[in-house]
PDB file of N, CA and C in Angstrom:
ATOM      1  N   MET A   1     -43.076 143.310  43.322  1.00  0.00           N
ATOM      2  CA  MET A   1     -44.224 142.497  43.626  1.00  0.00           C
ATOM      3  C   MET A   1     -45.469 143.209  43.105  1.00  0.00           C
ATOM      4  N   LYS A   2     -46.280 142.476  42.384  1.00  0.00           N
ATOM      5  CA  LYS A   2     -47.490 143.050  41.807  1.00  0.00           C
ATOM      6  C   LYS A   2     -48.684 142.820  42.731  1.00  0.00           C
ATOM      7  N   ALA A   3     -49.687 143.660  42.592  1.00  0.00           N
ATOM      8  CA  ALA A   3     -50.894 143.532  43.407  1.00  0.00           C
ATOM      9  C   ALA A   3     -51.612 142.225  43.110  1.00  0.00           C
ATOM     10  N   SER A   4     -51.555 141.761  41.877  1.00  0.00           N
ATOM     11  CA  SER A   4     -52.213 140.495  41.536  1.00  0.00           C
ATOM     12  C   SER A   4     -51.550 139.328  42.268  1.00  0.00           C
ATOM     13  N   GLU A   5     -50.236 139.396  42.448  1.00  0.00           N
ATOM     14  CA  GLU A   5     -49.526 138.363  43.201  1.00  0.00           C
ATOM     15  C   GLU A   5     -49.937 138.402  44.670  1.00  0.00           C
ATOM     16  N   ILE A   6     -50.118 139.589  45.184  1.00  0.00           N
ATOM     17  CA  ILE A   6     -50.495 139.751  46.591  1.00  0.00           C
ATOM     18  C   ILE A   6     -51.907 139.225  46.818  1.00  0.00           C
ATOM     19  N   ARG A   7     -52.808 139.476  45.867  1.00  0.00           N
ATOM     20  CA  ARG A   7     -54.186 139.003  46.011  1.00  0.00           C
ATOM     21  C   ARG A   7     -54.277 137.481  46.006  1.00  0.00           C
ATOM     22  N   LYS A   8     -53.334 136.822  45.345  1.00  0.00           N
ATOM     23  CA  LYS A   8     -53.328 135.362  45.300  1.00  0.00           C
ATOM     24  C   LYS A   8     -52.845 134.751  46.610  1.00  0.00           C
ATOM     25  N   MET A   9     -52.165 135.527  47.428  1.00  0.00           N
ATOM     26  CA  MET A   9     -51.640 135.029  48.695  1.00  0.00           C
ATOM     27  C   MET A   9     -52.758 134.847  49.716  1.00  0.00           C
ATOM     28  N   ALA A  10     -52.530 133.921  50.628  1.00  0.00           N
ATOM     29  CA  ALA A  10     -53.444 133.748  51.759  1.00  0.00           C
ATOM     30  C   ALA A  10     -53.205 134.901  52.734  1.00  0.00           C
ATOM     31  N   PRO A  11     -54.192 135.240  53.536  1.00  0.00           N
ATOM     32  CA  PRO A  11     -54.016 136.347  54.487  1.00  0.00           C
ATOM     33  C   PRO A  11     -52.810 136.160  55.420  1.00  0.00           C
ATOM     34  N   GLU A  12     -52.547 134.921  55.838  1.00  0.00           N
ATOM     35  CA  GLU A  12     -51.408 134.662  56.716  1.00  0.00           C
ATOM     36  C   GLU A  12     -50.097 134.924  55.987  1.00  0.00           C
ATOM     37  N   GLU A  13     -50.057 134.556  54.708  1.00  0.00           N
ATOM     38  CA  GLU A  13     -48.859 134.793  53.907  1.00  0.00           C
ATOM     39  C   GLU A  13     -48.598 136.293  53.755  1.00  0.00           C
ATOM     40  N   ARG A  14     -49.677 137.056  53.576  1.00  0.00           N
ATOM     41  CA  ARG A  14     -49.533 138.508  53.438  1.00  0.00           C
ATOM     42  C   ARG A  14     -48.934 139.119  54.695  1.00  0.00           C
ATOM     43  N   LEU A  15     -49.426 138.661  55.848  1.00  0.00           N
ATOM     44  CA  LEU A  15     -48.894 139.190  57.100  1.00  0.00           C
ATOM     45  C   LEU A  15     -47.421 138.850  57.260  1.00  0.00           C
ATOM     46  N   LEU A  16     -47.048 137.630  56.908  1.00  0.00           N
ATOM     47  CA  LEU A  16     -45.641 137.235  56.994  1.00  0.00           C
ATOM     48  C   LEU A  16     -44.783 138.082  56.058  1.00  0.00           C
ATOM     49  N   LYS A  17     -45.248 138.268  54.839  1.00  0.00           N
ATOM     50  CA  LYS A  17     -44.506 139.067  53.865  1.00  0.00           C
ATOM     51  C   LYS A  17     -44.397 140.519  54.333  1.00  0.00           C
ATOM     52  N   LEU A  18     -45.474 141.031  54.904  1.00  0.00           N
ATOM     53  CA  LEU A  18     -45.474 142.400  55.415  1.00  0.00           C
ATOM     54  C   LEU A  18     -44.428 142.561  56.515  1.00  0.00           C
ATOM     55  N   ASN A  19     -44.375 141.612  57.433  1.00  0.00           N
ATOM     56  CA  ASN A  19     -43.386 141.672  58.504  1.00  0.00           C
ATOM     57  C   ASN A  19     -41.965 141.560  57.960  1.00  0.00           C
ATOM     58  N   GLU A  20     -41.761 140.695  56.974  1.00  0.00           N
ATOM     59  CA  GLU A  20     -40.435 140.553  56.358  1.00  0.00           C
ATOM     60  C   GLU A  20     -39.999 141.863  55.706  1.00  0.00           C
ATOM     61  N   LEU A  21     -40.925 142.484  54.983  1.00  0.00           N
ATOM     62  CA  LEU A  21     -40.593 143.728  54.292  1.00  0.00           C
ATOM     63  C   LEU A  21     -40.321 144.860  55.272  1.00  0.00           C
ATOM     64  N   ARG A  22     -41.071 144.915  56.357  1.00  0.00           N
ATOM     65  CA  ARG A  22     -40.829 145.954  57.356  1.00  0.00           C
ATOM     66  C   ARG A  22     -39.458 145.778  58.005  1.00  0.00           C
ATOM     67  N   LEU A  23     -39.092 144.524  58.278  1.00  0.00           N
ATOM     68  CA  LEU A  23     -37.767 144.248  58.835  1.00  0.00           C
ATOM     69  C   LEU A  23     -36.670 144.620  57.841  1.00  0.00           C
ATOM     70  N   GLU A  24     -36.888 144.276  56.575  1.00  0.00           N
ATOM     71  CA  GLU A  24     -35.919 144.628  55.542  1.00  0.00           C
ATOM     72  C   GLU A  24     -35.765 146.143  55.427  1.00  0.00           C
ATOM     73  N   LEU A  25     -36.877 146.866  55.544  1.00  0.00           N
ATOM     74  CA  LEU A  25     -36.832 148.325  55.459  1.00  0.00           C
ATOM     75  C   LEU A  25     -36.006 148.913  56.598  1.00  0.00           C
ATOM     76  N   VAL A  26     -36.163 148.368  57.784  1.00  0.00           N
ATOM     77  CA  VAL A  26     -35.377 148.839  58.923  1.00  0.00           C
ATOM     78  C   VAL A  26     -33.889 148.613  58.658  1.00  0.00           C
ATOM     79  N   LYS A  27     -33.557 147.435  58.140  1.00  0.00           N
ATOM     80  CA  LYS A  27     -32.160 147.117  57.844  1.00  0.00           C
ATOM     81  C   LYS A  27     -31.605 148.037  56.755  1.00  0.00           C
ATOM     82  N   LEU A  28     -32.419 148.301  55.742  1.00  0.00           N
ATOM     83  CA  LEU A  28     -31.975 149.181  54.666  1.00  0.00           C
ATOM     84  C   LEU A  28     -31.749 150.606  55.168  1.00  0.00           C
ATOM     85  N   ARG A  29     -32.626 151.071  56.040  1.00  0.00           N
ATOM     86  CA  ARG A  29     -32.462 152.418  56.597  1.00  0.00           C
ATOM     87  C   ARG A  29     -31.193 152.501  57.442  1.00  0.00           C
ATOM     88  N   LEU A  30     -30.918 151.450  58.190  1.00  0.00           N
ATOM     89  CA  LEU A  30     -29.695 151.413  58.979  1.00  0.00           C
ATOM     90  C   LEU A  30     -28.469 151.444  58.072  1.00  0.00           C
ATOM     91  N   GLN A  31     -28.504 150.640  57.015  1.00  0.00           N
ATOM     92  CA  GLN A  31     -27.389 150.640  56.070  1.00  0.00           C
ATOM     93  C   GLN A  31     -27.216 152.020  55.436  1.00  0.00           C
ATOM     94  N   SER A  32     -28.318 152.686  55.177  1.00  0.00           N
ATOM     95  CA  SER A  32     -28.262 154.014  54.579  1.00  0.00           C
ATOM     96  C   SER A  32     -27.582 155.006  55.522  1.00  0.00           C
ATOM     97  N   LYS A  33     -27.917 154.933  56.804  1.00  0.00           N
ATOM     98  CA  LYS A  33     -27.327 155.850  57.778  1.00  0.00           C
ATOM     99  C   LYS A  33     -25.843 155.572  57.972  1.00  0.00           C
ATOM    100  N   VAL A  34     -25.473 154.284  57.945  1.00  0.00           N
ATOM    101  CA  VAL A  34     -24.085 153.901  58.151  1.00  0.00           C
ATOM    102  C   VAL A  34     -23.260 154.189  56.898  1.00  0.00           C
ATOM    103  N   GLY A  35     -23.907 154.139  55.755  1.00  0.00           N
ATOM    104  CA  GLY A  35     -23.229 154.420  54.502  1.00  0.00           C
ATOM    105  C   GLY A  35     -22.813 153.183  53.735  1.00  0.00           C
ATOM    106  N   THR A  36     -23.383 152.035  54.081  1.00  0.00           N
ATOM    107  CA  THR A  36     -23.026 150.796  53.388  1.00  0.00           C
ATOM    108  C   THR A  36     -24.074 150.355  52.382  1.00  0.00           C
ATOM    109  N   LEU A  37     -25.104 151.143  52.184  1.00  0.00           N
ATOM    110  CA  LEU A  37     -26.174 150.783  51.252  1.00  0.00           C
ATOM    111  C   LEU A  37     -25.704 151.003  49.817  1.00  0.00           C
ATOM    112  N   THR A  38     -25.793 149.940  49.008  1.00  0.00           N
ATOM    113  CA  THR A  38     -25.339 150.050  47.626  1.00  0.00           C
ATOM    114  C   THR A  38     -26.484 150.364  46.671  1.00  0.00           C
ATOM    115  N   ASN A  39     -27.652 149.789  46.910  1.00  0.00           N
ATOM    116  CA  ASN A  39     -28.795 149.991  46.026  1.00  0.00           C
ATOM    117  C   ASN A  39     -29.826 150.862  46.746  1.00  0.00           C
ATOM    118  N   THR A  40     -29.750 152.148  46.551  1.00  0.00           N
ATOM    119  CA  THR A  40     -30.638 153.073  47.261  1.00  0.00           C
ATOM    120  C   THR A  40     -32.086 152.976  46.789  1.00  0.00           C
ATOM    121  N   ALA A  41     -32.298 152.495  45.596  1.00  0.00           N
ATOM    122  CA  ALA A  41     -33.656 152.361  45.062  1.00  0.00           C
ATOM    123  C   ALA A  41     -34.426 151.261  45.783  1.00  0.00           C
ATOM    124  N   ARG A  42     -33.722 150.364  46.437  1.00  0.00           N
ATOM    125  CA  ARG A  42     -34.381 149.251  47.132  1.00  0.00           C
ATOM    126  C   ARG A  42     -35.292 149.762  48.247  1.00  0.00           C
ATOM    127  N   ILE A  43     -34.898 150.850  48.908  1.00  0.00           N
ATOM    128  CA  ILE A  43     -35.735 151.417  49.971  1.00  0.00           C
ATOM    129  C   ILE A  43     -37.095 151.819  49.398  1.00  0.00           C
ATOM    130  N   ARG A  44     -37.065 152.482  48.282  1.00  0.00           N
ATOM    131  CA  ARG A  44     -38.309 152.921  47.641  1.00  0.00           C
ATOM    132  C   ARG A  44     -39.171 151.726  47.237  1.00  0.00           C
ATOM    133  N   ASN A  45     -38.550 150.701  46.664  1.00  0.00           N
ATOM    134  CA  ASN A  45     -39.294 149.518  46.227  1.00  0.00           C
ATOM    135  C   ASN A  45     -39.926 148.776  47.400  1.00  0.00           C
ATOM    136  N   VAL A  46     -39.198 148.672  48.498  1.00  0.00           N
ATOM    137  CA  VAL A  46     -39.729 147.990  49.681  1.00  0.00           C
ATOM    138  C   VAL A  46     -40.901 148.777  50.252  1.00  0.00           C
ATOM    139  N   ARG A  47     -40.768 150.094  50.319  1.00  0.00           N
ATOM    140  CA  ARG A  47     -41.868 150.922  50.822  1.00  0.00           C
ATOM    141  C   ARG A  47     -43.119 150.749  49.961  1.00  0.00           C
ATOM    142  N   ARG A  48     -42.935 150.686  48.667  1.00  0.00           N
ATOM    143  CA  ARG A  48     -44.083 150.523  47.763  1.00  0.00           C
ATOM    144  C   ARG A  48     -44.713 149.134  47.910  1.00  0.00           C
ATOM    145  N   ASP A  49     -43.886 148.105  48.103  1.00  0.00           N
ATOM    146  CA  ASP A  49     -44.424 146.764  48.317  1.00  0.00           C
ATOM    147  C   ASP A  49     -45.239 146.705  49.605  1.00  0.00           C
ATOM    148  N   ILE A  50     -44.748 147.369  50.643  1.00  0.00           N
ATOM    149  CA  ILE A  50     -45.498 147.432  51.904  1.00  0.00           C
ATOM    150  C   ILE A  50     -46.840 148.114  51.670  1.00  0.00           C
ATOM    151  N   ALA A  51     -46.832 149.202  50.941  1.00  0.00           N
ATOM    152  CA  ALA A  51     -48.069 149.938  50.656  1.00  0.00           C
ATOM    153  C   ALA A  51     -49.039 149.086  49.841  1.00  0.00           C
ATOM    154  N   ARG A  52     -48.529 148.312  48.892  1.00  0.00           N
ATOM    155  CA  ARG A  52     -49.391 147.445  48.088  1.00  0.00           C
ATOM    156  C   ARG A  52     -50.070 146.391  48.960  1.00  0.00           C
ATOM    157  N   ILE A  53     -49.298 145.785  49.840  1.00  0.00           N
ATOM    158  CA  ILE A  53     -49.870 144.757  50.717  1.00  0.00           C
ATOM    159  C   ILE A  53     -50.938 145.373  51.613  1.00  0.00           C
ATOM    160  N   LEU A  54     -50.645 146.518  52.192  1.00  0.00           N
ATOM    161  CA  LEU A  54     -51.627 147.166  53.060  1.00  0.00           C
ATOM    162  C   LEU A  54     -52.879 147.570  52.294  1.00  0.00           C
ATOM    163  N   THR A  55     -52.716 147.987  51.049  1.00  0.00           N
ATOM    164  CA  THR A  55     -53.857 148.373  50.225  1.00  0.00           C
ATOM    165  C   THR A  55     -54.749 147.174  49.937  1.00  0.00           C
ATOM    166  N   VAL A  56     -54.156 146.049  49.576  1.00  0.00           N
ATOM    167  CA  VAL A  56     -54.939 144.845  49.292  1.00  0.00           C
ATOM    168  C   VAL A  56     -55.657 144.378  50.558  1.00  0.00           C
ATOM    169  N   MET A  57     -54.973 144.435  51.689  1.00  0.00           N
ATOM    170  CA  MET A  57     -55.608 144.039  52.947  1.00  0.00           C
ATOM    171  C   MET A  57     -56.777 144.952  53.269  1.00  0.00           C
ATOM    172  N   ARG A  58     -56.617 146.239  53.012  1.00  0.00           N
ATOM    173  CA  ARG A  58     -57.683 147.206  53.269  1.00  0.00           C
ATOM    174  C   ARG A  58     -58.866 146.971  52.331  1.00  0.00           C
ATOM    175  N   GLU A  59     -58.590 146.675  51.077  1.00  0.00           N
ATOM    176  CA  GLU A  59     -59.658 146.391  50.114  1.00  0.00           C
ATOM    177  C   GLU A  59     -60.477 145.190  50.554  1.00  0.00           C
ATOM    178  N   GLU A  60     -59.794 144.149  50.994  1.00  0.00           N
ATOM    179  CA  GLU A  60     -60.506 142.934  51.394  1.00  0.00           C
ATOM    180  C   GLU A  60     -61.321 143.150  52.660  1.00  0.00           C
ATOM    181  N   SER A  61     -60.812 143.947  53.595  1.00  0.00           N
ATOM    182  CA  SER A  61     -61.597 144.197  54.803  1.00  0.00           C
ATOM    183  C   SER A  61     -62.823 145.045  54.472  1.00  0.00           C
ATOM    184  N   ALA A  62     -62.673 145.987  53.544  1.00  0.00           N
ATOM    185  CA  ALA A  62     -63.809 146.808  53.126  1.00  0.00           C
ATOM    186  C   ALA A  62     -64.837 145.954  52.393  1.00  0.00           C
ATOM    187  N   LYS A  63     -64.347 145.026  51.572  1.00  0.00           N
ATOM    188  CA  LYS A  63     -65.250 144.133  50.841  1.00  0.00           C
ATOM    189  C   LYS A  63     -66.026 143.253  51.824  1.00  0.00           C
ATOM    190  N   GLY A  64     -65.359 142.776  52.853  1.00  0.00           N
ATOM    191  CA  GLY A  64     -66.007 141.950  53.863  1.00  0.00           C
ATOM    192  C   GLY A  64     -67.074 142.713  54.617  1.00  0.00           C
ATOM    193  N   ARG A  65     -66.779 143.958  54.951  1.00  0.00           N
ATOM    194  CA  ARG A  65     -67.771 144.792  55.634  1.00  0.00           C
ATOM    195  C   ARG A  65     -68.973 145.047  54.745  1.00  0.00           C
ATOM    196  N   GLN A  66     -68.720 145.296  53.467  1.00  0.00           N
ATOM    197  CA  GLN A  66     -69.806 145.578  52.535  1.00  0.00           C
ATOM    198  C   GLN A  66     -70.704 144.348  52.387  1.00  0.00           C
ATOM    199  N   GLN A  67     -70.111 143.181  52.302  1.00  0.00           N
ATOM    200  CA  GLN A  67     -70.895 141.962  52.184  1.00  0.00           C
ATOM    201  C   GLN A  67     -71.712 141.716  53.451  1.00  0.00           C
ATOM    202  N   ALA A  68     -71.148 142.019  54.600  1.00  0.00           N
ATOM    203  CA  ALA A  68     -71.865 141.855  55.861  1.00  0.00           C
ATOM    204  C   ALA A  68     -73.057 142.797  55.917  1.00  0.00           C
ATOM    205  N   GLU A  69     -72.891 144.011  55.422  1.00  0.00           N
ATOM    206  CA  GLU A  69     -73.998 144.968  55.409  1.00  0.00           C
ATOM    207  C   GLU A  69     -75.094 144.526  54.450  1.00  0.00           C
ATOM    208  N   GLU A  70     -74.717 143.937  53.312  1.00  0.00           N
ATOM    209  CA  GLU A  70     -75.706 143.460  52.351  1.00  0.00           C
ATOM    210  C   GLU A  70     -76.517 142.320  52.947  1.00  0.00           C
ATOM    211  N   VAL A  71     -75.879 141.434  53.657  1.00  0.00           N
ATOM    212  CA  VAL A  71     -76.583 140.326  54.303  1.00  0.00           C
ATOM    213  C   VAL A  71     -77.505 140.869  55.374  1.00  0.00           C
ATOM    214  N   LYS A  72     -77.050 141.864  56.080  1.00  0.00           N
ATOM    215  CA  LYS A  72     -77.840 142.473  57.137  1.00  0.00           C
ATOM    216  C   LYS A  72     -79.103 143.115  56.561  1.00  0.00           C
ATOM    217  N   GLU A  73     -78.984 143.727  55.382  1.00  0.00           N
ATOM    218  CA  GLU A  73     -80.122 144.376  54.749  1.00  0.00           C
ATOM    219  C   GLU A  73     -81.129 143.359  54.215  1.00  0.00           C
ATOM    220  N   GLU A  74     -80.662 142.171  53.847  1.00  0.00           N
ATOM    221  CA  GLU A  74     -81.544 141.162  53.292  1.00  0.00           C
ATOM    222  C   GLU A  74     -82.432 140.512  54.350  1.00  0.00           C
ATOM    223  N   VAL A  75     -81.996 140.523  55.590  1.00  0.00           N
ATOM    224  CA  VAL A  75     -82.782 139.933  56.665  1.00  0.00           C
ATOM    225  C   VAL A  75     -83.970 140.832  56.942  1.00  0.00           C
ATOM    226  N   PRO A  76     -85.197 140.311  56.838  1.00  0.00           N
ATOM    227  CA  PRO A  76     -86.369 141.160  57.070  1.00  0.00           C
ATOM    228  C   PRO A  76     -86.453 141.602  58.527  1.00  0.00           C
ATOM    229  N   VAL A  77     -86.792 142.839  58.696  1.00  0.00           N
ATOM    230  CA  VAL A  77     -86.921 143.403  60.040  1.00  0.00           C
ATOM    231  C   VAL A  77     -88.395 143.310  60.427  1.00  0.00           C
ATOM    232  N   GLU A  78     -88.631 142.753  61.601  1.00  0.00           N
ATOM    233  CA  GLU A  78     -90.011 142.625  62.060  1.00  0.00           C
ATOM    234  C   GLU A  78     -90.557 143.994  62.427  1.00  0.00           C
ATOM    235  N   GLU A  79     -91.809 144.202  62.058  1.00  0.00           N
ATOM    236  CA  GLU A  79     -92.419 145.471  62.366  1.00  0.00           C
ATOM    237  C   GLU A  79     -92.706 145.521  63.862  1.00  0.00           C
ATOM    238  N   GLU A  80     -92.609 146.722  64.389  1.00  0.00           N
ATOM    239  CA  GLU A  80     -92.858 146.885  65.812  1.00  0.00           C
ATOM    240  C   GLU A  80     -94.326 146.635  66.094  1.00  0.00           C
ATOM    241  N   LYS A  81     -94.591 145.912  67.183  1.00  0.00           N
ATOM    242  CA  LYS A  81     -95.976 145.652  67.586  1.00  0.00           C
ATOM    243  C   LYS A  81     -96.450 146.779  68.463  1.00  0.00           C
ATOM    244  N   GLN A  82     -97.683 147.197  68.243  1.00  0.00           N
ATOM    245  CA  GLN A  82     -98.201 148.332  69.020  1.00  0.00           C
ATOM    246  C   GLN A  82     -99.202 147.874  70.017  1.00  0.00           C
TER     247      GLN A  82
END
């Protein structure tokens, strides 16, 4: 999964995908411990996909905070009356 694909997703879709991947990771780890895991590289790929989703979510929250601060700075502050 590419970061550009993740950015195109709605926030709700990202959360659903994140939960699916976390569940898959748990299952893969269990298979690894039991010894039935055939594709060991899948664990690494799932971990990286989780990290990509979290990174995009973090970028968007930081962008939202930055925009809120810019709007806050644009509002004129009344001078204190003496």
